[in-house]
Amino acid sequence: MPDTIVTEDVDLVSGYLARPIEDGTYSSIIVLQEWWGLDEHIRDVTRRFARNGFIALSPDLYHGKQTADPDEARGLSTGLDRTRATRDVISAADYVKNMNISNGSVFTIGYCMGGGISILAACKTDLTGAIVYYGGLPNPVEQLDELNAPVLAIYGSDETDRGTEVQQALLERDKDVDLHIYEGARHAFFNDSWDERYDKNASDDSWIKVMDFIEKHGP
């Protein structure tokens, strides 16, 4: 069976793009990496979105660096310039929005480190929606005052406090937030390349909730 998507490396910021091969107009989603970098797992997630009918772009927030070593990943994440990373996300959003197959709708989705950047980017530019998997609040938290996009927040029960903190901060500012916490799931439960953390039931259900969120808020 022929493939139904096209993938390519892009140079606006360095990144990985996947899109449907058929003519038409599509919503876009910016896929934001965990602290490991733009690894094969994130590329696979990007392709999954494309196969579900989205223009999907994952900007390389580390600009060529990635690792499988937790200590090195921690260092890369700690050293990441969040302001620069947010500019990269905004550039990625502008890029897909201006593609001739775009319908103008752009969501962000981020995992771990990328989850926090997903919310932060939505504070700095107009997005259709922001999805965060186990990410934290921007620093300073007052940046949430500028948020206009609805937020879908997803956590394992080992991070209930973090998820509740995000929900409370958004509700205090009258922002639209939908929180889901998966009992028994752990941080990074969506990462199916990490056997120790992957939770198939939570992952599959959260994918349905992501699609429902996009359908609810998209065109």
Protein backbone atom coordinates (compact mmCIF):
# COMPACT_ATOMS: atom_id res chain seq x y z
CA MET A 1 0.00 0.00 0.00
CA PRO A 2 1.50 3.38 -0.95
CA ASP A 3 2.23 5.77 1.85
CA THR A 4 -0.28 8.54 2.50
CA ILE A 5 2.09 11.17 3.82
CA VAL A 6 5.19 13.10 2.75
CA THR A 7 8.06 13.91 5.14
CA GLU A 8 10.95 16.33 4.76
CA ASP A 9 13.59 18.20 6.71
CA VAL A 10 12.89 21.94 6.86
CA ASP A 11 15.23 24.86 7.37
CA LEU A 12 13.04 27.68 8.75
CA VAL A 13 14.29 26.50 12.05
CA SER A 14 15.70 23.05 11.59
CA GLY A 15 12.86 20.61 11.98
CA TYR A 16 10.92 17.63 10.70
CA LEU A 17 7.72 18.01 8.68
CA ALA A 18 5.11 15.40 7.79
CA ARG A 19 1.95 16.10 5.83
CA PRO A 20 -0.74 14.25 3.91
CA ILE A 21 0.19 13.47 0.33
CA GLU A 22 -3.31 14.13 -1.02
CA ASP A 23 -4.43 17.57 -2.15
CA GLY A 24 -6.65 19.44 0.29
CA THR A 25 -6.45 21.83 3.22
CA TYR A 26 -5.49 20.68 6.69
CA SER A 27 -5.12 21.84 10.26
CA SER A 28 -1.55 22.05 11.56
CA ILE A 29 0.08 20.85 14.74
CA ILE A 30 3.51 21.76 16.12
CA VAL A 31 5.00 18.75 17.92
CA LEU A 32 7.41 19.72 20.70
CA GLN A 33 10.13 17.40 21.89
CA GLU A 34 10.93 15.84 25.25
CA TRP A 35 14.28 16.69 26.78
CA TRP A 36 15.96 14.01 24.64
CA GLY A 37 15.72 16.19 21.53
CA LEU A 38 14.18 15.65 18.11
CA ASP A 39 14.60 11.88 18.33
CA GLU A 40 12.94 9.07 16.42
CA HIS A 41 10.05 8.88 18.88
CA ILE A 42 9.09 12.50 18.23
CA ARG A 43 9.51 12.01 14.49
CA ASP A 44 7.20 9.01 14.75
CA VAL A 45 4.58 11.07 16.63
CA THR A 46 4.88 13.72 13.93
CA ARG A 47 4.15 11.10 11.28
CA ARG A 48 1.19 9.80 13.27
CA PHE A 49 -0.43 13.21 13.16
CA ALA A 50 0.17 13.48 9.42
CA ARG A 51 -1.46 10.09 8.88
CA ASN A 52 -4.46 11.41 10.79
CA GLY A 53 -4.82 14.33 8.38
CA PHE A 54 -2.63 17.09 9.83
CA ILE A 55 0.31 19.15 8.69
CA ALA A 56 2.71 18.20 11.49
CA LEU A 57 6.00 19.95 12.17
CA SER A 58 8.49 19.31 14.96
CA PRO A 59 11.05 22.12 15.26
CA ASP A 60 14.48 21.06 16.48
CA LEU A 61 14.72 23.13 19.64
CA TYR A 62 18.26 21.86 20.35
CA HIS A 63 19.44 22.71 16.81
CA GLY A 64 21.03 19.38 15.98
CA LYS A 65 21.67 17.93 19.43
CA GLN A 66 19.93 14.89 20.88
CA THR A 67 20.81 12.26 23.43
CA ALA A 68 19.63 9.06 25.10
CA ASP A 69 21.61 9.82 28.27
CA PRO A 70 19.43 11.25 31.11
CA ASP A 71 22.20 13.40 32.57
CA GLU A 72 23.02 14.93 29.20
CA ALA A 73 19.33 15.43 28.48
CA ARG A 74 18.92 17.23 31.79
CA GLY A 75 21.79 19.51 30.89
CA LEU A 76 20.39 20.26 27.45
CA SER A 77 16.96 21.03 28.91
CA THR A 78 18.35 23.20 31.70
CA GLY A 79 20.51 25.10 29.23
CA LEU A 80 17.74 25.67 26.70
CA ASP A 81 16.98 29.33 26.11
CA ARG A 82 13.18 29.30 26.49
CA THR A 83 12.86 32.66 24.74
CA ARG A 84 14.72 31.36 21.70
CA ALA A 85 12.78 28.10 21.79
CA THR A 86 9.51 30.01 21.85
CA ARG A 87 10.62 32.04 18.84
CA ASP A 88 11.39 28.76 17.06
CA VAL A 89 7.87 27.51 17.81
CA ILE A 90 6.32 30.74 16.57
CA SER A 91 8.40 30.51 13.38
CA ALA A 92 7.22 26.93 12.92
CA ALA A 93 3.60 27.97 13.45
CA ASP A 94 3.95 30.79 10.91
CA TYR A 95 5.56 28.40 8.43
CA VAL A 96 2.77 25.84 8.48
CA LYS A 97 0.05 28.49 8.60
CA ASN A 98 1.38 29.94 5.35
CA MET A 99 1.55 26.63 3.50
CA ASN A 100 -0.91 26.46 0.61
CA ILE A 101 -2.48 23.32 2.08
CA SER A 102 -3.10 24.96 5.48
CA ASN A 103 -6.59 25.91 6.64
CA GLY A 104 -5.05 28.43 9.06
CA SER A 105 -5.65 26.42 12.23
CA VAL A 106 -2.51 25.71 14.31
CA PHE A 107 -2.22 23.72 17.54
CA THR A 108 0.85 22.98 19.65
CA ILE A 109 1.44 19.73 21.50
CA GLY A 110 4.41 19.14 23.76
CA TYR A 111 5.75 16.37 25.93
CA CYS A 112 7.65 16.95 29.19
CA MET A 113 9.93 19.92 28.44
CA GLY A 114 7.96 20.52 25.26
CA GLY A 115 4.73 20.59 27.24
CA GLY A 116 5.80 23.69 29.10
CA ILE A 117 6.92 25.30 25.86
CA SER A 118 3.54 24.45 24.30
CA ILE A 119 1.81 26.61 26.93
CA LEU A 120 4.48 29.30 26.77
CA ALA A 121 4.21 29.63 22.99
CA ALA A 122 0.43 30.03 23.31
CA CYS A 123 1.10 33.01 25.59
CA LYS A 124 3.23 34.67 22.90
CA THR A 125 1.29 34.08 19.67
CA ASP A 126 -2.24 33.28 18.52
CA LEU A 127 -2.86 29.54 18.41
CA THR A 128 -6.01 27.49 17.94
CA GLY A 129 -5.15 25.40 20.99
CA ALA A 130 -2.28 24.18 23.17
CA ILE A 131 -1.85 20.61 24.42
CA VAL A 132 0.53 19.78 27.25
CA TYR A 133 1.66 16.35 28.37
CA TYR A 134 3.20 16.50 31.86
CA GLY A 135 4.66 19.97 31.39
CA GLY A 136 5.02 22.82 33.86
CA LEU A 137 3.94 26.43 34.10
CA PRO A 138 5.86 29.27 32.44
CA ASN A 139 8.25 31.31 34.55
CA PRO A 140 7.07 33.86 35.51
CA VAL A 141 3.56 32.44 35.73
CA GLU A 142 2.07 35.86 34.97
CA GLN A 143 2.77 35.19 31.30
CA LEU A 144 -0.45 33.15 31.40
CA ASP A 145 -2.33 36.46 31.48
CA GLU A 146 -1.61 36.75 27.73
CA LEU A 147 -2.91 33.27 26.89
CA ASN A 148 -5.88 33.22 24.53
CA ALA A 149 -5.91 29.58 23.39
CA PRO A 150 -7.74 26.73 25.14
CA VAL A 151 -5.46 24.22 26.89
CA LEU A 152 -5.67 20.44 27.16
CA ALA A 153 -3.49 19.25 30.06
CA ILE A 154 -2.60 15.54 30.45
CA TYR A 155 -0.67 13.94 33.32
CA GLY A 156 0.00 10.63 34.99
CA SER A 157 -1.11 10.27 38.60
CA ASP A 158 2.52 10.56 39.76
CA GLU A 159 2.25 14.23 38.75
CA THR A 160 -1.23 15.01 40.01
CA ASP A 161 0.08 18.02 41.92
CA ARG A 162 1.70 19.47 38.81
CA GLY A 163 -1.41 18.97 36.71
CA THR A 164 -3.62 20.50 39.39
CA GLU A 165 -1.23 23.45 39.68
CA VAL A 166 -1.49 24.11 35.94
CA GLN A 167 -5.27 23.82 36.04
CA GLN A 168 -5.59 26.15 39.03
CA ALA A 169 -3.29 28.80 37.54
CA LEU A 170 -5.33 28.83 34.33
CA LEU A 171 -8.72 28.84 36.04
CA GLU A 172 -7.63 31.73 38.29
CA ARG A 173 -7.18 33.71 35.08
CA ASP A 174 -10.46 32.55 33.54
CA LYS A 175 -8.65 30.51 30.89
CA ASP A 176 -10.16 27.50 29.12
CA VAL A 177 -8.47 24.35 30.46
CA ASP A 178 -9.37 20.67 30.35
CA LEU A 179 -7.31 18.49 32.74
CA HIS A 180 -7.00 14.70 32.55
CA ILE A 181 -5.01 12.64 35.05
CA TYR A 182 -4.41 8.92 34.41
CA GLU A 183 -4.35 6.81 37.55
CA GLY A 184 -1.30 4.57 37.67
CA ALA A 185 0.41 6.21 34.69
CA ARG A 186 3.80 7.82 35.17
CA HIS A 187 5.68 10.75 33.68
CA ALA A 188 6.39 10.11 29.97
CA PHE A 189 3.66 7.46 29.74
CA PHE A 190 3.01 8.38 26.09
CA ASN A 191 6.55 7.50 25.00
CA ASP A 192 6.21 4.02 23.49
CA SER A 193 9.97 3.79 22.93
CA TRP A 194 10.52 3.78 26.71
CA ASP A 195 9.23 0.43 27.96
CA GLU A 196 9.68 1.32 31.62
CA ARG A 197 7.34 4.31 31.39
CA TYR A 198 4.99 3.54 28.48
CA ASP A 199 1.37 2.95 29.47
CA LYS A 200 -0.60 1.76 26.45
CA ASN A 201 -4.07 2.25 27.95
CA ALA A 202 -3.36 5.79 29.10
CA SER A 203 -1.56 6.60 25.86
CA ASP A 204 -4.39 5.32 23.66
CA ASP A 205 -7.08 7.11 25.65
CA SER A 206 -5.12 10.36 25.73
CA TRP A 207 -4.77 10.21 21.92
CA ILE A 208 -8.57 10.09 21.68
CA LYS A 209 -8.84 13.08 24.00
CA VAL A 210 -6.30 14.99 21.89
CA MET A 211 -8.31 14.32 18.74
CA ASP A 212 -11.54 15.33 20.46
CA PHE A 213 -9.91 18.56 21.67
CA ILE A 214 -8.68 19.40 18.18
CA GLU A 215 -12.07 18.64 16.65
CA LYS A 216 -13.81 20.78 19.27
CA HIS A 217 -11.62 23.84 18.78
CA GLY A 218 -10.55 23.52 15.15
CA PRO A 219 -12.40 24.79 12.08
